[in-house]
Protein backbone atom coordinates (compact mmCIF):
# COMPACT_ATOMS: atom_id res chain seq x y z
CA MET A 1 83.11 -3.26 33.28
CA SER A 2 80.41 -5.90 34.16
CA LEU A 3 76.83 -4.97 34.81
CA THR A 4 75.22 -5.26 37.97
CA ARG A 5 71.65 -6.26 38.35
CA LYS A 6 70.52 -2.57 39.56
CA HIS A 7 72.30 -1.30 36.45
CA TYR A 8 70.72 -4.12 34.31
CA PHE A 9 67.18 -3.28 35.58
CA LEU A 10 67.97 0.34 35.10
CA LEU A 11 68.66 -0.17 31.51
CA VAL A 12 65.55 -2.07 30.78
CA ALA A 13 63.44 0.49 32.32
CA ILE A 14 65.19 3.23 30.38
CA GLY A 15 64.42 1.47 27.14
CA LEU A 16 60.49 0.82 27.91
CA LEU A 17 60.34 4.71 28.54
CA VAL A 18 61.70 5.27 25.08
CA PHE A 19 59.36 2.93 23.75
CA ALA A 20 56.62 4.49 25.57
CA MET A 21 57.36 8.01 24.43
CA GLY A 22 57.62 6.94 20.72
CA ALA A 23 54.35 5.38 20.98
CA LEU A 24 52.82 8.55 22.55
CA LEU A 25 54.23 10.77 19.95
CA LEU A 26 53.37 8.25 16.89
CA SER A 27 49.66 8.31 18.32
CA LEU A 28 49.58 11.92 18.19
CA SER A 29 50.89 12.78 14.81
CA SER A 30 49.15 12.22 11.85
CA LEU A 31 49.84 9.19 9.54
CA PRO A 32 51.01 9.84 5.93
CA TRP A 33 47.88 8.74 4.19
CA GLU A 34 46.04 10.99 6.83
CA LYS A 35 47.34 14.12 5.70
CA GLU A 36 46.29 13.72 2.37
CA ARG A 37 42.95 14.43 1.18
CA LEU A 38 41.68 11.65 -0.86
CA PRO A 39 38.72 11.69 -2.99
CA PRO A 40 35.41 10.12 -1.98
CA THR A 41 35.90 6.57 -3.40
CA SER A 42 35.57 3.58 -3.17
CA ALA A 43 33.08 3.09 -0.33
CA THR A 44 30.14 4.53 -2.31
CA ASN A 45 31.21 2.87 -5.44
CA GLN A 46 31.72 -0.52 -4.10
CA THR A 47 28.34 -0.03 -2.50
CA ASN A 48 26.56 0.86 -5.52
CA ALA A 49 28.46 -1.79 -7.59
CA LEU A 50 27.32 -4.59 -4.84
CA GLU A 51 23.34 -3.39 -5.15
CA LEU A 52 23.65 -3.63 -8.73
CA ARG A 53 25.02 -6.89 -8.69
CA GLU A 54 22.30 -8.16 -6.10
CA ALA A 55 19.56 -6.67 -8.12
CA GLU A 56 20.98 -8.54 -11.09
CA ALA A 57 21.03 -11.63 -9.07
CA ASP A 58 17.34 -11.12 -8.13
CA ARG A 59 16.45 -10.54 -11.69
CA THR A 60 18.06 -13.70 -13.20
CA VAL A 61 19.44 -16.48 -10.65
CA TRP A 62 16.48 -15.77 -8.08
CA ALA A 63 13.97 -14.56 -10.50
CA ALA A 64 11.44 -17.23 -9.36
CA GLU A 65 12.06 -16.95 -5.52
CA MET A 66 11.53 -13.11 -5.65
CA GLN A 67 8.36 -13.56 -7.56
CA ALA A 68 7.11 -16.03 -5.11
CA GLU A 69 8.33 -13.85 -2.24
CA ASN A 70 6.08 -10.88 -4.03
CA CYS A 71 3.04 -13.38 -4.75
CA GLY A 72 3.21 -14.50 -0.92
CA LEU A 73 3.01 -10.81 0.06
CA THR A 74 -0.78 -10.54 -1.11
CA PHE A 75 -2.02 -12.95 1.42
CA GLU A 76 0.54 -11.93 4.19
CA LYS A 77 -1.40 -8.29 3.74
CA LEU A 78 -4.59 -9.89 3.86
CA TRP A 79 -3.67 -11.99 7.02
CA ASP A 80 -2.37 -9.03 8.76
CA SER A 81 -5.50 -7.04 7.87
CA ILE A 82 -7.83 -9.81 9.39
CA ASN A 83 -5.69 -9.72 12.78
CA ALA A 84 -5.51 -6.07 13.19
CA THR A 85 -9.58 -5.70 13.02
CA THR A 86 -12.75 -7.27 14.94
CA ASN A 87 -14.75 -7.21 11.69
CA LYS A 88 -12.70 -9.96 10.19
CA LEU A 89 -15.27 -11.00 7.24
CA GLU A 90 -15.11 -7.38 6.06
CA CYS A 91 -11.60 -7.78 5.27
CA LEU A 92 -12.36 -10.81 3.05
CA VAL A 93 -15.31 -9.00 1.29
CA ALA A 94 -12.74 -6.24 0.46
CA PHE A 95 -10.11 -8.80 -0.78
CA PRO A 96 -10.22 -8.26 -4.87
CA LEU A 97 -10.37 -11.64 -6.91
CA LYS A 98 -12.04 -12.61 -10.14
CA GLU A 99 -13.37 -15.91 -9.21
CA LEU A 100 -13.65 -18.76 -6.56
CA VAL A 101 -14.11 -22.09 -7.29
CA LEU A 102 -16.35 -23.88 -4.16
CA PRO A 103 -15.68 -27.76 -3.48
CA THR A 104 -18.28 -30.30 -4.23
CA TRP A 105 -18.74 -31.45 -0.62
CA GLY A 106 -18.83 -35.78 -0.27
CA PRO A 107 -20.93 -37.54 2.22
CA VAL A 108 -20.98 -36.68 5.74
CA GLN A 109 -18.50 -38.57 8.17
CA HIS A 110 -19.38 -38.48 11.94
CA LEU A 111 -16.59 -38.36 14.05
CA PRO A 112 -16.09 -38.43 17.78
CA HIS A 113 -17.77 -35.49 20.00
CA GLY A 114 -20.20 -34.80 17.58
CA ILE A 115 -17.99 -33.33 15.10
CA GLU A 116 -19.37 -33.86 11.30
CA LEU A 117 -16.65 -33.78 8.57
CA LEU A 118 -17.46 -33.05 4.70
CA ALA A 119 -14.53 -33.21 2.32
CA GLY A 120 -14.23 -31.73 -1.23
CA THR A 121 -14.45 -34.34 -3.70
CA ASN A 122 -14.00 -32.21 -6.89
CA ALA A 123 -14.63 -28.69 -8.03
CA GLY A 124 -17.84 -27.25 -7.83
CA GLN A 125 -19.71 -23.77 -8.35
CA THR A 126 -17.48 -21.24 -9.61
CA LEU A 127 -18.49 -17.92 -7.82
CA SER A 128 -17.67 -14.52 -9.33
CA ALA A 129 -16.24 -11.48 -7.20
CA VAL A 130 -19.84 -10.23 -6.75
CA GLN A 131 -21.23 -13.64 -5.50
CA TRP A 132 -18.50 -14.30 -3.32
CA ARG A 133 -19.19 -10.90 -1.59
CA GLU A 134 -22.77 -11.95 -1.27
CA LEU A 135 -22.09 -15.26 0.00
CA LEU A 136 -20.08 -13.40 2.99
CA ALA A 137 -22.97 -11.06 3.66
CA ASN A 138 -25.28 -13.92 4.25
CA PHE A 139 -22.71 -15.78 6.56
CA LYS A 140 -22.77 -12.43 8.70
CA THR A 141 -26.54 -12.11 8.28
CA GLN A 142 -27.01 -15.52 9.73
CA GLY A 143 -24.42 -14.77 12.64
CA TRP A 144 -21.37 -16.36 11.59
CA GLN A 145 -17.95 -14.71 12.67
CA LEU A 146 -14.37 -15.49 11.63
CA GLU A 147 -12.11 -15.97 14.59
CA ASN A 148 -8.86 -16.53 12.95
CA ILE A 149 -7.38 -17.37 9.53
CA GLU A 150 -4.13 -18.94 8.43
CA PHE A 151 -2.26 -19.04 5.22
CA ARG A 152 1.08 -20.90 4.37
CA HIS A 153 2.81 -20.60 1.00
CA ASN A 154 3.58 -24.10 0.38
CA GLN A 155 4.47 -24.20 -3.44
CA PHE A 156 4.99 -21.57 -6.50
CA ASP A 157 4.97 -22.45 -9.98
CA PRO A 158 6.13 -19.60 -12.27
CA ALA A 159 4.48 -18.80 -15.72
CA THR A 160 5.60 -21.02 -18.25
CA ASN A 161 4.17 -21.43 -21.85
CA GLY A 162 1.30 -19.09 -21.76
CA ARG A 163 -0.21 -20.57 -18.43
CA PRO A 164 0.13 -18.08 -15.38
CA ALA A 165 1.64 -18.43 -12.35
CA GLN A 166 0.32 -20.49 -9.78
CA SER A 167 0.65 -21.12 -5.70
CA ARG A 168 -0.58 -23.69 -3.46
CA PHE A 169 -1.15 -22.29 0.25
CA TYR A 170 -1.96 -24.23 3.27
CA PHE A 171 -5.38 -22.57 4.68
CA ALA A 172 -7.49 -22.54 7.94
CA ALA A 173 -10.43 -20.52 8.79
CA ARG A 174 -12.44 -20.86 12.15
CA LEU A 175 -15.74 -19.51 12.58
CA THR A 176 -18.16 -19.44 15.19
CA ASN A 177 -22.39 -18.75 15.40
CA SER A 178 -23.36 -17.87 18.93
CA ARG A 179 -26.87 -17.84 17.70
CA ILE A 180 -27.36 -21.73 17.01
CA PRO A 181 -24.74 -22.24 18.67
CA GLU A 182 -22.46 -23.79 16.09
CA ARG A 183 -18.71 -23.83 14.84
CA ALA A 184 -17.00 -24.48 12.10
CA MET A 185 -13.21 -24.83 10.46
CA PHE A 186 -12.42 -25.01 6.86
CA GLU A 187 -9.04 -26.30 6.37
CA GLY A 188 -6.75 -27.66 3.29
CA ASP A 189 -4.80 -26.50 0.30
CA LEU A 190 -5.95 -23.48 -1.83
CA MET A 191 -4.60 -23.15 -5.53
CA VAL A 192 -4.29 -19.87 -6.44
CA GLU A 193 -3.89 -18.60 -10.29
CA TRP A 194 -2.32 -15.26 -10.52
CA ALA A 195 -3.14 -12.21 -12.34
CA LEU A 196 -0.12 -10.40 -14.42
CA ARG A 197 1.52 -7.67 -11.84
CA ARG A 198 0.43 -4.20 -13.08
CA GLN A 199 3.27 -1.48 -13.38
CA GLY A 200 3.14 0.56 -9.65
CA GLN A 201 1.76 -2.75 -8.05
CA GLU A 202 4.16 -4.23 -5.16
CA SER A 203 2.55 -7.80 -5.56
CA PRO A 204 0.30 -9.29 -8.22
CA GLY A 205 -3.55 -9.58 -8.02
CA VAL A 206 -5.64 -12.90 -7.72
CA ARG A 207 -7.25 -14.19 -10.63
CA THR A 208 -8.83 -17.65 -9.28
CA ILE A 209 -8.91 -19.38 -6.01
CA ASP A 210 -9.63 -23.02 -6.42
CA ALA A 211 -10.83 -24.29 -2.86
CA SER A 212 -12.09 -27.59 -3.98
CA ARG A 213 -9.65 -29.52 -2.04
CA LEU A 214 -11.06 -28.27 1.29
CA GLN A 215 -12.32 -29.82 4.41
CA LEU A 216 -15.10 -28.53 6.19
CA LYS A 217 -15.45 -29.68 10.01
CA LYS A 218 -18.52 -28.47 12.21
CA ARG A 219 -20.21 -29.12 15.42
CA ILE A 220 -23.03 -28.06 16.93
CA GLY A 221 -23.29 -27.05 20.78
CA LEU A 222 -21.36 -25.14 23.03
CA PRO A 223 -17.92 -25.38 23.25
CA PHE A 224 -16.14 -27.93 25.79
CA PHE A 225 -14.05 -25.20 27.31
CA GLU A 226 -15.47 -21.77 28.77
CA LYS A 227 -13.47 -18.64 28.99
CA ILE A 228 -13.42 -17.66 32.59
CA LEU A 229 -11.02 -14.78 32.38
CA ASP A 230 -10.15 -11.92 29.74
CA GLU A 231 -7.90 -9.41 31.50
CA THR A 232 -5.59 -6.74 30.29
CA ILE A 233 -2.73 -6.09 32.89
CA ALA A 234 0.23 -3.39 32.64
CA THR A 235 3.83 -5.20 32.94
CA SER A 236 6.92 -3.71 32.75
CA SER A 237 7.18 -4.41 29.10
CA GLY A 238 3.71 -2.63 28.23
CA LEU A 239 0.02 -4.27 28.15
CA GLU A 240 -0.56 -8.24 28.12
CA THR A 241 -3.67 -9.71 27.93
CA LEU A 242 -4.60 -12.99 29.74
């Protein structure tokens, strides 16, 4: 007996219906491995093993990189604290260090627009922590204010053969004195010698900062540009300052 086109489509429809019913029953029933209560395993154990492996890699393969990151964190915290306050010089006063090496300034170079440039030629006076705080206090008394500051961790050398770890930071600090009026900018490389990190410390302390490679640009007179708008407005995403 030959099948007509009508019978053919009817058989196909019945087959699809049977397939759909089977899939539905399968989805409603538990799978074999879902019926057994497996002990808590693998996911926790594998996670712990992975964490141990990463910790071991940090201790061995990436030891220098992790140490550099911890050292850089010292100045990142300082930078954040300065950005978060209006009394910025006080943050520098509170920053712990053992000594600071000042530059010996070369002859004054006269640049366009009345800008004077002094470049550090070699290491000059070494200030203790107390002398450094006194110098900052004198700056503040004279009317100087720290406007902003930058630190960029560009190089790190781990401790070797009894020599302490060292870092090289790009540094810039911009100051203004409204009494004179005068503006100044210190810029260049800071060489940082690190102290040993004490137990419980997140990042090591600073033993010595060598600032002898800095340059100083200064200019007496009012700024070329004058602020004419300083307004905080409400937006859909919060407060913004113009």
